[in-house]
Protein backbone atom coordinates (compact mmCIF):
# COMPACT_ATOMS: atom_id res chain seq x y z
CA UNK A 1 0.00 0.00 0.00
CA UNK A 2 1.25 3.51 -0.82
CA UNK A 3 1.64 5.79 2.17
CA UNK A 4 2.45 9.49 2.27
CA UNK A 5 3.82 11.16 5.39
CA UNK A 6 3.97 14.86 4.69
CA UNK A 7 4.05 18.05 6.71
CA UNK A 8 2.90 21.34 5.26
CA UNK A 9 4.00 24.87 6.23
CA UNK A 10 3.41 28.46 5.26
CA UNK A 11 6.45 30.45 4.20
CA UNK A 12 7.83 33.16 6.49
CA UNK A 13 10.25 34.77 3.99
CA UNK A 14 11.76 34.45 0.51
CA UNK A 15 15.00 32.96 1.90
CA UNK A 16 14.13 29.60 0.32
CA UNK A 17 14.75 31.00 -3.16
CA UNK A 18 18.54 30.90 -2.62
CA UNK A 19 18.48 27.10 -2.19
CA UNK A 20 16.29 26.10 -5.18
CA UNK A 21 17.75 23.13 -7.09
CA UNK A 22 15.00 22.76 -9.73
CA UNK A 23 11.46 23.81 -10.55
CA UNK A 24 8.54 22.98 -12.80
CA UNK A 25 5.04 24.21 -13.55
CA UNK A 26 2.08 21.96 -12.74
CA UNK A 27 -1.57 21.86 -13.67
CA UNK A 28 -3.88 19.59 -11.75
CA UNK A 29 -7.57 18.94 -11.40
CA UNK A 30 -9.79 16.60 -9.46
CA UNK A 31 -12.05 14.01 -11.03
CA UNK A 32 -13.79 13.38 -7.73
CA UNK A 33 -13.40 13.93 -4.06
CA UNK A 34 -15.48 12.90 -1.12
CA UNK A 35 -15.09 12.23 2.59
CA UNK A 36 -12.96 9.13 1.85
CA UNK A 37 -10.65 10.01 -1.06
CA UNK A 38 -9.73 12.30 -3.93
CA UNK A 39 -8.70 11.40 -7.47
CA UNK A 40 -6.39 13.87 -9.14
CA UNK A 41 -4.90 14.26 -12.62
CA UNK A 42 -1.62 16.19 -12.80
CA UNK A 43 0.37 17.34 -15.81
CA UNK A 44 3.87 18.75 -15.46
CA UNK A 45 7.00 19.06 -17.58
CA UNK A 46 7.93 15.41 -16.89
CA UNK A 47 4.60 13.84 -17.91
CA UNK A 48 1.26 13.08 -16.32
CA UNK A 49 -0.18 10.96 -13.54
CA UNK A 50 -3.35 9.87 -11.86
CA UNK A 51 -3.22 10.11 -8.07
CA UNK A 52 -5.60 8.61 -5.51
CA UNK A 53 -5.24 9.91 -1.96
CA UNK A 54 -7.22 9.16 1.17
CA UNK A 55 -9.06 12.13 2.68
CA UNK A 56 -7.48 11.58 6.09
CA UNK A 57 -6.73 14.79 7.96
CA UNK A 58 -3.19 15.09 9.24
CA UNK A 59 0.30 14.13 8.10
CA UNK A 60 -0.26 10.45 7.15
CA UNK A 61 -2.44 9.35 4.25
CA UNK A 62 -2.79 6.49 1.82
CA UNK A 63 -1.56 7.48 -1.63
CA UNK A 64 -1.39 5.70 -4.99
CA UNK A 65 0.06 7.24 -8.14
CA UNK A 66 0.10 5.96 -11.70
CA UNK A 67 1.67 7.40 -14.84
CA UNK A 68 -0.80 8.03 -17.66
CA UNK A 69 -0.36 9.26 -21.25
CA UNK A 70 -0.08 13.04 -21.34
CA UNK A 71 -2.69 13.45 -24.08
CA UNK A 72 -5.20 11.51 -21.98
CA UNK A 73 -4.35 13.63 -18.94
CA UNK A 74 -5.01 16.86 -20.84
CA UNK A 75 -8.31 15.45 -22.08
CA UNK A 76 -9.32 14.45 -18.55
CA UNK A 77 -8.44 17.92 -17.26
CA UNK A 78 -10.26 19.65 -20.12
CA UNK A 79 -13.42 17.56 -20.04
CA UNK A 80 -13.91 15.86 -16.66
CA UNK A 81 -12.06 17.81 -13.99
CA UNK A 82 -13.69 20.62 -12.09
CA UNK A 83 -11.80 23.70 -10.91
CA UNK A 84 -8.06 23.32 -11.26
CA UNK A 85 -4.91 24.29 -9.41
CA UNK A 86 -1.92 25.76 -11.21
CA UNK A 87 1.41 26.27 -9.50
CA UNK A 88 5.14 26.21 -9.87
CA UNK A 89 6.89 23.76 -7.61
CA UNK A 90 10.43 24.48 -6.42
CA UNK A 91 12.63 21.81 -4.85
CA UNK A 92 14.68 23.37 -2.08
CA UNK A 93 17.49 21.63 -0.20
CA UNK A 94 18.17 22.35 3.44
CA UNK A 95 20.58 20.33 5.60
CA UNK A 96 19.94 17.03 3.85
CA UNK A 97 16.16 17.53 3.48
CA UNK A 98 14.31 18.35 0.29
CA UNK A 99 11.39 20.74 0.71
CA UNK A 100 8.85 21.25 -2.05
CA UNK A 101 7.75 24.88 -2.20
CA UNK A 102 4.56 25.51 -4.18
CA UNK A 103 3.92 29.01 -5.51
CA UNK A 104 0.28 29.06 -6.55
CA UNK A 105 -1.17 30.96 -9.51
CA UNK A 106 -4.59 32.06 -10.71
CA UNK A 107 -7.34 31.93 -8.07
CA UNK A 108 -4.75 30.79 -5.50
CA UNK A 109 -2.15 33.48 -6.31
CA UNK A 110 -0.47 34.85 -3.23
CA UNK A 111 -0.31 31.49 -1.48
CA UNK A 112 3.11 29.88 -1.01
CA UNK A 113 3.34 26.58 0.87
CA UNK A 114 6.26 24.28 1.68
CA UNK A 115 5.82 20.52 2.00
CA UNK A 116 8.23 17.98 3.42
CA UNK A 117 7.87 14.23 2.97
CA UNK A 118 9.12 12.29 5.97
CA UNK A 119 10.03 8.65 6.67
CA UNK A 120 7.89 8.68 9.86
CA UNK A 121 5.28 11.02 11.34
CA UNK A 122 7.52 11.80 14.32
CA UNK A 123 10.76 12.19 12.33
CA UNK A 124 13.06 15.02 13.34
CA UNK A 125 14.02 17.37 10.50
CA UNK A 126 16.04 20.51 9.89
CA UNK A 127 13.76 23.54 10.05
CA UNK A 128 15.02 26.44 7.90
CA UNK A 129 14.52 30.04 9.01
CA UNK A 130 12.13 30.73 6.10
CA UNK A 131 9.68 28.05 7.26
CA UNK A 132 6.57 29.52 8.86
CA UNK A 133 3.47 28.21 10.61
CA UNK A 134 2.61 24.53 10.19
CA UNK A 135 -0.74 23.98 8.45
CA UNK A 136 -0.63 20.17 8.08
CA UNK A 137 -3.88 19.79 10.02
CA UNK A 138 -5.76 22.60 8.24
CA UNK A 139 -7.77 21.10 5.36
CA UNK A 140 -8.04 24.49 3.59
CA UNK A 141 -4.44 24.02 2.43
CA UNK A 142 -5.03 20.65 0.73
CA UNK A 143 -4.87 21.10 -3.04
CA UNK A 144 -8.26 19.47 -3.47
CA UNK A 145 -9.74 22.15 -1.19
CA UNK A 146 -7.81 24.92 -2.95
CA UNK A 147 -9.48 23.83 -6.20
CA UNK A 148 -12.94 24.09 -4.59
CA UNK A 149 -12.33 27.08 -2.35
CA UNK A 150 -9.42 29.13 -3.77
CA UNK A 151 -7.14 31.13 -1.51
CA UNK A 152 -8.11 34.48 -3.10
CA UNK A 153 -11.70 33.92 -1.88
CA UNK A 154 -10.71 33.42 1.76
CA UNK A 155 -11.85 36.34 3.93
CA UNK A 156 -8.38 36.66 5.50
CA UNK A 157 -6.31 36.21 2.30
CA UNK A 158 -3.69 38.89 1.72
C-alpha atoms as a PDB file:
ATOM      1  CA  UNK A   1       0.000   0.000   0.000  1.00  0.00           C
ATOM      2  CA  UNK A   2       1.253   3.513  -0.816  1.00  0.00           C
ATOM      3  CA  UNK A   3       1.641   5.792   2.172  1.00  0.00           C
ATOM      4  CA  UNK A   4       2.447   9.491   2.274  1.00  0.00           C
ATOM      5  CA  UNK A   5       3.816  11.157   5.386  1.00  0.00           C
ATOM      6  CA  UNK A   6       3.967  14.860   4.694  1.00  0.00           C
ATOM      7  CA  UNK A   7       4.047  18.053   6.714  1.00  0.00           C
ATOM      8  CA  UNK A   8       2.902  21.342   5.262  1.00  0.00           C
ATOM      9  CA  UNK A   9       3.999  24.869   6.234  1.00  0.00           C
ATOM     10  CA  UNK A  10       3.412  28.458   5.261  1.00  0.00           C
ATOM     11  CA  UNK A  11       6.452  30.448   4.199  1.00  0.00           C
ATOM     12  CA  UNK A  12       7.831  33.164   6.492  1.00  0.00           C
ATOM     13  CA  UNK A  13      10.253  34.775   3.985  1.00  0.00           C
ATOM     14  CA  UNK A  14      11.764  34.445   0.510  1.00  0.00           C
ATOM     15  CA  UNK A  15      14.997  32.955   1.905  1.00  0.00           C
ATOM     16  CA  UNK A  16      14.128  29.601   0.321  1.00  0.00           C
ATOM     17  CA  UNK A  17      14.754  31.000  -3.159  1.00  0.00           C
ATOM     18  CA  UNK A  18      18.539  30.903  -2.621  1.00  0.00           C
ATOM     19  CA  UNK A  19      18.483  27.102  -2.190  1.00  0.00           C
ATOM     20  CA  UNK A  20      16.289  26.101  -5.179  1.00  0.00           C
ATOM     21  CA  UNK A  21      17.748  23.133  -7.091  1.00  0.00           C
ATOM     22  CA  UNK A  22      15.002  22.762  -9.731  1.00  0.00           C
ATOM     23  CA  UNK A  23      11.459  23.805 -10.552  1.00  0.00           C
ATOM     24  CA  UNK A  24       8.542  22.981 -12.796  1.00  0.00           C
ATOM     25  CA  UNK A  25       5.038  24.206 -13.548  1.00  0.00           C
ATOM     26  CA  UNK A  26       2.079  21.963 -12.738  1.00  0.00           C
ATOM     27  CA  UNK A  27      -1.566  21.862 -13.670  1.00  0.00           C
ATOM     28  CA  UNK A  28      -3.883  19.586 -11.753  1.00  0.00           C
ATOM     29  CA  UNK A  29      -7.575  18.936 -11.400  1.00  0.00           C
ATOM     30  CA  UNK A  30      -9.791  16.602  -9.458  1.00  0.00           C
ATOM     31  CA  UNK A  31     -12.054  14.006 -11.026  1.00  0.00           C
ATOM     32  CA  UNK A  32     -13.789  13.385  -7.735  1.00  0.00           C
ATOM     33  CA  UNK A  33     -13.398  13.933  -4.062  1.00  0.00           C
ATOM     34  CA  UNK A  34     -15.483  12.904  -1.117  1.00  0.00           C
ATOM     35  CA  UNK A  35     -15.090  12.228   2.594  1.00  0.00           C
ATOM     36  CA  UNK A  36     -12.957   9.129   1.853  1.00  0.00           C
ATOM     37  CA  UNK A  37     -10.646  10.009  -1.057  1.00  0.00           C
ATOM     38  CA  UNK A  38      -9.730  12.301  -3.927  1.00  0.00           C
ATOM     39  CA  UNK A  39      -8.705  11.398  -7.466  1.00  0.00           C
ATOM     40  CA  UNK A  40      -6.387  13.873  -9.139  1.00  0.00           C
ATOM     41  CA  UNK A  41      -4.898  14.257 -12.618  1.00  0.00           C
ATOM     42  CA  UNK A  42      -1.623  16.189 -12.801  1.00  0.00           C
ATOM     43  CA  UNK A  43       0.375  17.345 -15.807  1.00  0.00           C
ATOM     44  CA  UNK A  44       3.872  18.747 -15.458  1.00  0.00           C
ATOM     45  CA  UNK A  45       7.003  19.059 -17.576  1.00  0.00           C
ATOM     46  CA  UNK A  46       7.927  15.412 -16.892  1.00  0.00           C
ATOM     47  CA  UNK A  47       4.601  13.842 -17.907  1.00  0.00           C
ATOM     48  CA  UNK A  48       1.256  13.081 -16.319  1.00  0.00           C
ATOM     49  CA  UNK A  49      -0.183  10.961 -13.542  1.00  0.00           C
ATOM     50  CA  UNK A  50      -3.351   9.866 -11.857  1.00  0.00           C
ATOM     51  CA  UNK A  51      -3.218  10.105  -8.069  1.00  0.00           C
ATOM     52  CA  UNK A  52      -5.600   8.612  -5.513  1.00  0.00           C
ATOM     53  CA  UNK A  53      -5.240   9.912  -1.962  1.00  0.00           C
ATOM     54  CA  UNK A  54      -7.221   9.161   1.174  1.00  0.00           C
ATOM     55  CA  UNK A  55      -9.055  12.132   2.681  1.00  0.00           C
ATOM     56  CA  UNK A  56      -7.484  11.576   6.086  1.00  0.00           C
ATOM     57  CA  UNK A  57      -6.732  14.785   7.965  1.00  0.00           C
ATOM     58  CA  UNK A  58      -3.187  15.090   9.237  1.00  0.00           C
ATOM     59  CA  UNK A  59       0.295  14.126   8.104  1.00  0.00           C
ATOM     60  CA  UNK A  60      -0.256  10.451   7.148  1.00  0.00           C
ATOM     61  CA  UNK A  61      -2.444   9.354   4.251  1.00  0.00           C
ATOM     62  CA  UNK A  62      -2.793   6.486   1.820  1.00  0.00           C
ATOM     63  CA  UNK A  63      -1.557   7.476  -1.633  1.00  0.00           C
ATOM     64  CA  UNK A  64      -1.393   5.702  -4.987  1.00  0.00           C
ATOM     65  CA  UNK A  65       0.064   7.237  -8.138  1.00  0.00           C
ATOM     66  CA  UNK A  66       0.098   5.963 -11.702  1.00  0.00           C
ATOM     67  CA  UNK A  67       1.673   7.399 -14.839  1.00  0.00           C
ATOM     68  CA  UNK A  68      -0.801   8.030 -17.661  1.00  0.00           C
ATOM     69  CA  UNK A  69      -0.364   9.260 -21.246  1.00  0.00           C
ATOM     70  CA  UNK A  70      -0.080  13.039 -21.339  1.00  0.00           C
ATOM     71  CA  UNK A  71      -2.693  13.454 -24.085  1.00  0.00           C
ATOM     72  CA  UNK A  72      -5.199  11.512 -21.982  1.00  0.00           C
ATOM     73  CA  UNK A  73      -4.345  13.632 -18.935  1.00  0.00           C
ATOM     74  CA  UNK A  74      -5.013  16.859 -20.840  1.00  0.00           C
ATOM     75  CA  UNK A  75      -8.315  15.452 -22.084  1.00  0.00           C
ATOM     76  CA  UNK A  76      -9.316  14.449 -18.546  1.00  0.00           C
ATOM     77  CA  UNK A  77      -8.436  17.919 -17.260  1.00  0.00           C
ATOM     78  CA  UNK A  78     -10.256  19.651 -20.118  1.00  0.00           C
ATOM     79  CA  UNK A  79     -13.418  17.558 -20.044  1.00  0.00           C
ATOM     80  CA  UNK A  80     -13.912  15.865 -16.662  1.00  0.00           C
ATOM     81  CA  UNK A  81     -12.064  17.814 -13.993  1.00  0.00           C
ATOM     82  CA  UNK A  82     -13.694  20.618 -12.092  1.00  0.00           C
ATOM     83  CA  UNK A  83     -11.804  23.704 -10.910  1.00  0.00           C
ATOM     84  CA  UNK A  84      -8.061  23.320 -11.260  1.00  0.00           C
ATOM     85  CA  UNK A  85      -4.907  24.293  -9.414  1.00  0.00           C
ATOM     86  CA  UNK A  86      -1.917  25.762 -11.213  1.00  0.00           C
ATOM     87  CA  UNK A  87       1.405  26.267  -9.501  1.00  0.00           C
ATOM     88  CA  UNK A  88       5.137  26.212  -9.873  1.00  0.00           C
ATOM     89  CA  UNK A  89       6.894  23.758  -7.607  1.00  0.00           C
ATOM     90  CA  UNK A  90      10.430  24.481  -6.420  1.00  0.00           C
ATOM     91  CA  UNK A  91      12.633  21.814  -4.851  1.00  0.00           C
ATOM     92  CA  UNK A  92      14.680  23.375  -2.082  1.00  0.00           C
ATOM     93  CA  UNK A  93      17.486  21.627  -0.201  1.00  0.00           C
ATOM     94  CA  UNK A  94      18.167  22.352   3.439  1.00  0.00           C
ATOM     95  CA  UNK A  95      20.582  20.334   5.603  1.00  0.00           C
ATOM     96  CA  UNK A  96      19.935  17.034   3.846  1.00  0.00           C
ATOM     97  CA  UNK A  97      16.164  17.530   3.484  1.00  0.00           C
ATOM     98  CA  UNK A  98      14.308  18.347   0.285  1.00  0.00           C
ATOM     99  CA  UNK A  99      11.394  20.738   0.706  1.00  0.00           C
ATOM    100  CA  UNK A 100       8.847  21.251  -2.054  1.00  0.00           C
ATOM    101  CA  UNK A 101       7.748  24.883  -2.204  1.00  0.00           C
ATOM    102  CA  UNK A 102       4.560  25.505  -4.184  1.00  0.00           C
ATOM    103  CA  UNK A 103       3.918  29.015  -5.509  1.00  0.00           C
ATOM    104  CA  UNK A 104       0.279  29.063  -6.553  1.00  0.00           C
ATOM    105  CA  UNK A 105      -1.166  30.959  -9.513  1.00  0.00           C
ATOM    106  CA  UNK A 106      -4.593  32.056 -10.711  1.00  0.00           C
ATOM    107  CA  UNK A 107      -7.338  31.929  -8.075  1.00  0.00           C
ATOM    108  CA  UNK A 108      -4.747  30.794  -5.498  1.00  0.00           C
ATOM    109  CA  UNK A 109      -2.151  33.476  -6.314  1.00  0.00           C
ATOM    110  CA  UNK A 110      -0.469  34.854  -3.230  1.00  0.00           C
ATOM    111  CA  UNK A 111      -0.307  31.485  -1.480  1.00  0.00           C
ATOM    112  CA  UNK A 112       3.112  29.880  -1.009  1.00  0.00           C
ATOM    113  CA  UNK A 113       3.340  26.575   0.874  1.00  0.00           C
ATOM    114  CA  UNK A 114       6.262  24.276   1.684  1.00  0.00           C
ATOM    115  CA  UNK A 115       5.818  20.515   1.996  1.00  0.00           C
ATOM    116  CA  UNK A 116       8.235  17.985   3.418  1.00  0.00           C
ATOM    117  CA  UNK A 117       7.870  14.232   2.974  1.00  0.00           C
ATOM    118  CA  UNK A 118       9.116  12.293   5.973  1.00  0.00           C
ATOM    119  CA  UNK A 119      10.028   8.653   6.670  1.00  0.00           C
ATOM    120  CA  UNK A 120       7.886   8.682   9.856  1.00  0.00           C
ATOM    121  CA  UNK A 121       5.275  11.020  11.340  1.00  0.00           C
ATOM    122  CA  UNK A 122       7.517  11.801  14.324  1.00  0.00           C
ATOM    123  CA  UNK A 123      10.759  12.185  12.332  1.00  0.00           C
ATOM    124  CA  UNK A 124      13.057  15.023  13.339  1.00  0.00           C
ATOM    125  CA  UNK A 125      14.018  17.368  10.499  1.00  0.00           C
ATOM    126  CA  UNK A 126      16.039  20.513   9.888  1.00  0.00           C
ATOM    127  CA  UNK A 127      13.756  23.540  10.052  1.00  0.00           C
ATOM    128  CA  UNK A 128      15.019  26.444   7.904  1.00  0.00           C
ATOM    129  CA  UNK A 129      14.519  30.044   9.011  1.00  0.00           C
ATOM    130  CA  UNK A 130      12.131  30.728   6.104  1.00  0.00           C
ATOM    131  CA  UNK A 131       9.679  28.053   7.262  1.00  0.00           C
ATOM    132  CA  UNK A 132       6.573  29.525   8.858  1.00  0.00           C
ATOM    133  CA  UNK A 133       3.471  28.212  10.613  1.00  0.00           C
ATOM    134  CA  UNK A 134       2.609  24.533  10.194  1.00  0.00           C
ATOM    135  CA  UNK A 135      -0.736  23.976   8.451  1.00  0.00           C
ATOM    136  CA  UNK A 136      -0.633  20.171   8.082  1.00  0.00           C
ATOM    137  CA  UNK A 137      -3.883  19.791  10.016  1.00  0.00           C
ATOM    138  CA  UNK A 138      -5.756  22.600   8.240  1.00  0.00           C
ATOM    139  CA  UNK A 139      -7.768  21.104   5.359  1.00  0.00           C
ATOM    140  CA  UNK A 140      -8.039  24.494   3.593  1.00  0.00           C
ATOM    141  CA  UNK A 141      -4.442  24.016   2.435  1.00  0.00           C
ATOM    142  CA  UNK A 142      -5.032  20.654   0.728  1.00  0.00           C
ATOM    143  CA  UNK A 143      -4.873  21.098  -3.038  1.00  0.00           C
ATOM    144  CA  UNK A 144      -8.264  19.469  -3.470  1.00  0.00           C
ATOM    145  CA  UNK A 145      -9.738  22.149  -1.188  1.00  0.00           C
ATOM    146  CA  UNK A 146      -7.814  24.925  -2.952  1.00  0.00           C
ATOM    147  CA  UNK A 147      -9.480  23.834  -6.198  1.00  0.00           C
ATOM    148  CA  UNK A 148     -12.942  24.093  -4.591  1.00  0.00           C
ATOM    149  CA  UNK A 149     -12.326  27.081  -2.345  1.00  0.00           C
ATOM    150  CA  UNK A 150      -9.420  29.135  -3.771  1.00  0.00           C
ATOM    151  CA  UNK A 151      -7.138  31.130  -1.511  1.00  0.00           C
ATOM    152  CA  UNK A 152      -8.107  34.481  -3.098  1.00  0.00           C
ATOM    153  CA  UNK A 153     -11.703  33.917  -1.881  1.00  0.00           C
ATOM    154  CA  UNK A 154     -10.709  33.422   1.758  1.00  0.00           C
ATOM    155  CA  UNK A 155     -11.845  36.336   3.930  1.00  0.00           C
ATOM    156  CA  UNK A 156      -8.377  36.659   5.500  1.00  0.00           C
ATOM    157  CA  UNK A 157      -6.315  36.205   2.298  1.00  0.00           C
ATOM    158  CA  UNK A 158      -3.688  38.889   1.717  1.00  0.00           C
END
